Amino acid sequence: MLAQYASSTGLAVLCIFIFWACGLAFGKSCIKLLSGLLAAMLLLIAAFPHGAEFALGKHLQPGDSSALLLLLADAAGVITAVLIASFFFNPGRLVDEI
């Protein structure tokens, strides 16, 4: 479970850094498209495949909560990545660009 948490956190941080790099490279022209893509990627990291397995009831047997725990680890990893990224985000720069 810890490995799943670490891998989802790392993948989400990587996606956020790629978003920032593309935002710097392309400027304001593509920021809405990039924001949508980032949101979709973070949702995919948090919800698939363990969220789909949990929702569909695959691999669930009485007393088996592994799909739920993996889903929670993925979601917690994405939340942690967003919290880490928020420490580096300066809303003043966004106001200056608009």
Protein backbone atom coordinates (compact mmCIF):
# COMPACT_ATOMS: atom_id res chain seq x y z
CA MET A 1 0.00 0.00 0.00
CA LEU A 2 2.89 2.35 0.79
CA ALA A 3 4.42 1.64 -2.62
CA GLN A 4 1.11 2.48 -4.29
CA TYR A 5 0.90 5.75 -2.33
CA ALA A 6 4.48 6.69 -3.26
CA SER A 7 4.04 5.85 -6.93
CA SER A 8 0.78 7.79 -7.26
CA THR A 9 2.31 10.77 -5.45
CA GLY A 10 5.37 10.71 -7.70
CA LEU A 11 3.31 10.36 -10.86
CA ALA A 12 1.01 13.23 -9.84
CA VAL A 13 3.97 15.49 -8.99
CA LEU A 14 5.51 14.65 -12.36
CA CYS A 15 2.26 15.59 -14.13
CA ILE A 16 2.11 18.89 -12.23
CA PHE A 17 5.71 19.73 -13.13
CA ILE A 18 5.04 18.90 -16.79
CA PHE A 19 1.98 21.18 -16.64
CA TRP A 20 4.09 24.02 -15.22
CA ALA A 21 6.80 23.51 -17.84
CA CYS A 22 4.29 23.52 -20.70
CA GLY A 23 2.58 26.54 -19.17
CA LEU A 24 5.86 28.41 -19.15
CA ALA A 25 6.68 27.30 -22.67
CA PHE A 26 3.33 28.09 -24.28
CA GLY A 27 2.14 30.95 -22.07
CA LYS A 28 -1.46 31.95 -21.58
CA SER A 29 -2.60 30.71 -24.97
CA CYS A 30 -2.90 27.07 -23.96
CA ILE A 31 -3.30 27.33 -20.18
CA LYS A 32 -7.01 26.38 -20.13
CA LEU A 33 -6.41 23.32 -22.27
CA LEU A 34 -3.41 22.35 -20.15
CA SER A 35 -5.43 22.85 -16.96
CA GLY A 36 -8.11 20.52 -18.26
CA LEU A 37 -5.53 17.92 -19.22
CA LEU A 38 -3.88 18.19 -15.80
CA ALA A 39 -7.21 17.72 -14.04
CA ALA A 40 -7.98 14.69 -16.20
CA MET A 41 -4.56 13.16 -15.53
CA LEU A 42 -4.85 13.66 -11.77
CA LEU A 43 -8.32 12.10 -11.82
CA LEU A 44 -7.01 9.14 -13.80
CA ILE A 45 -4.13 8.66 -11.38
CA ALA A 46 -6.48 8.81 -8.40
CA ALA A 47 -9.26 6.62 -9.77
CA PHE A 48 -7.86 4.04 -12.17
CA PRO A 49 -7.46 1.10 -12.11
CA HIS A 50 -8.16 0.50 -8.43
CA GLY A 51 -11.14 2.85 -8.27
CA ALA A 52 -12.75 1.09 -11.22
CA GLU A 53 -12.10 -2.31 -9.65
CA PHE A 54 -13.65 -1.14 -6.40
CA ALA A 55 -16.66 0.41 -8.14
CA LEU A 56 -17.29 -2.66 -10.28
CA GLY A 57 -16.76 -5.04 -7.39
CA LYS A 58 -14.06 -6.99 -9.21
CA HIS A 59 -11.75 -9.06 -7.05
CA LEU A 60 -13.88 -8.31 -4.00
CA GLN A 61 -14.64 -11.16 -1.71
CA PRO A 62 -16.10 -10.95 1.76
CA GLY A 63 -13.43 -9.47 4.02
CA ASP A 64 -11.17 -8.44 1.13
CA SER A 65 -10.62 -4.69 1.20
CA SER A 66 -7.47 -4.54 -0.90
CA ALA A 67 -9.14 -2.65 -3.79
CA LEU A 68 -10.49 -0.04 -1.37
CA LEU A 69 -7.12 0.37 0.32
CA LEU A 70 -5.34 0.76 -3.01
CA LEU A 71 -7.96 3.29 -4.13
CA LEU A 72 -7.43 5.26 -0.91
CA ALA A 73 -3.66 5.10 -1.37
CA ASP A 74 -3.97 6.46 -4.93
CA ALA A 75 -6.32 9.24 -3.87
CA ALA A 76 -4.16 10.18 -0.89
CA GLY A 77 -1.10 10.28 -3.15
CA VAL A 78 -2.77 12.71 -5.55
CA ILE A 79 -3.98 14.88 -2.67
CA THR A 80 -0.46 14.93 -1.24
CA ALA A 81 0.98 15.93 -4.63
CA VAL A 82 -1.51 18.78 -4.96
CA LEU A 83 -0.68 19.97 -1.44
CA ILE A 84 3.04 19.83 -2.21
CA ALA A 85 2.50 21.76 -5.43
CA SER A 86 0.39 24.38 -3.65
CA PHE A 87 3.41 25.36 -1.56
CA PHE A 88 5.22 26.35 -4.76
CA PHE A 89 2.27 28.11 -6.40
CA ASN A 90 2.20 31.89 -6.16
CA PRO A 91 -1.29 33.31 -6.89
CA GLY A 92 0.29 36.77 -7.36
CA ARG A 93 1.95 35.59 -10.56
CA LEU A 94 -1.41 34.53 -11.93
CA VAL A 95 -2.91 37.96 -11.25
CA ASP A 96 0.09 39.63 -12.91
CA GLU A 97 -0.37 37.57 -16.08
CA ILE A 98 -4.06 38.37 -16.52
